[in-house]
Protein backbone atom coordinates (compact mmCIF):
# COMPACT_ATOMS: atom_id res chain seq x y z
CA MET A 1 94.53 99.05 99.03
CA GLN A 2 92.45 98.30 102.07
CA GLN A 3 92.60 100.56 105.07
CA ALA A 4 92.32 99.67 108.74
CA ARG A 5 91.69 101.67 111.90
CA LEU A 6 93.95 101.14 114.91
CA ILE A 7 91.88 100.25 117.96
CA ARG A 8 94.54 100.79 120.61
CA HIS A 9 97.18 103.41 121.39
CA ILE A 10 100.79 102.53 120.58
CA ASP A 11 103.22 104.69 122.55
CA ALA A 12 106.56 106.10 121.33
CA THR A 13 108.64 103.27 122.79
CA GLU A 14 106.50 100.56 121.19
CA CYS A 15 106.43 102.49 117.89
CA VAL A 16 110.23 102.45 117.76
CA THR A 17 110.40 98.77 118.73
CA ARG A 18 107.81 97.59 116.20
CA ASN A 19 108.70 99.90 113.29
CA ALA A 20 110.26 98.02 110.37
CA LEU A 21 111.73 101.26 109.01
CA ALA A 22 115.31 102.24 109.83
CA ILE A 23 114.26 105.74 110.89
CA THR A 24 111.28 106.53 113.10
CA PRO A 25 110.18 110.15 113.52
CA PRO A 26 111.02 111.28 117.08
CA GLN A 27 108.27 110.69 119.62
CA LEU A 28 105.95 109.14 117.01
CA VAL A 29 102.85 107.61 118.59
CA LEU A 30 99.98 105.84 116.89
CA VAL A 31 96.72 106.98 118.41
CA ALA A 32 93.67 104.75 118.59
CA GLY A 33 91.46 105.69 115.66
CA SER A 34 94.37 106.36 113.28
CA VAL A 35 93.81 104.91 109.83
CA GLY A 36 96.59 103.03 108.07
CA THR A 37 96.96 101.13 104.83
CA ILE A 38 97.25 97.34 104.78
CA VAL A 39 100.23 96.55 102.58
CA ASP A 40 100.20 92.76 103.00
CA ARG A 41 98.34 90.01 104.83
CA LEU A 42 100.37 87.51 106.83
CA GLY A 43 99.63 84.04 108.09
CA ASP A 44 95.95 83.13 108.11
CA ASN A 45 94.88 86.81 107.96
CA ASP A 46 95.68 87.15 111.66
CA ALA A 47 98.54 89.61 111.08
CA PHE A 48 99.01 92.46 108.64
CA LEU A 49 101.83 94.63 107.39
CA VAL A 50 100.43 98.14 107.86
CA GLU A 51 101.77 101.60 107.05
CA PHE A 52 100.82 104.87 108.72
CA GLY A 53 101.64 108.40 107.63
CA SER A 54 101.92 107.72 103.92
CA ARG A 55 103.81 110.50 102.16
CA GLY A 56 103.79 109.02 98.67
CA PRO A 57 104.29 105.63 97.07
CA ASN A 58 107.65 104.97 98.74
CA GLN A 59 107.53 106.88 102.04
CA CYS A 60 105.65 106.52 105.29
CA ASP A 61 106.24 107.30 108.98
CA TRP A 62 105.62 103.82 110.36
CA LEU A 63 105.54 100.34 108.81
CA GLY A 64 105.10 97.23 110.88
CA VAL A 65 103.14 94.13 111.72
CA LEU A 66 99.86 94.56 113.53
CA TYR A 67 97.52 91.79 114.57
CA ALA A 68 93.83 91.42 113.83
CA SER A 69 93.06 92.16 117.49
CA GLU A 70 94.68 95.60 117.07
CA LEU A 71 92.80 96.64 113.93
CA GLN A 72 89.31 97.26 112.62
CA ALA A 73 88.62 97.15 108.89
CA VAL A 74 87.55 100.44 107.31
CA THR A 75 84.58 99.84 105.03
CA ASP A 76 84.41 101.16 101.46
CA LEU A 77 81.60 103.48 102.56
CA GLU A 78 83.79 105.01 105.29
CA GLN A 79 86.67 105.45 102.81
CA ALA A 80 84.42 107.33 100.39
CA ALA A 81 83.24 109.79 103.05
């Protein structure tokens, strides 16, 4: 799966609002530079379903839609490092 780096900070309030999961860890924030996994591409590749804090194949801390303007693709070379 492709990974993407978040290019802006998402505070605790926005994390709760945009999280597709029923339970959000208390005071979870997504810091600029955090790397998440792209689960699905939406529309014309202008939005992505992204998970952060993967704890196995069926668990993560945050799952939601992020837009291309909020993400930077992580290259294969960066992933290997």
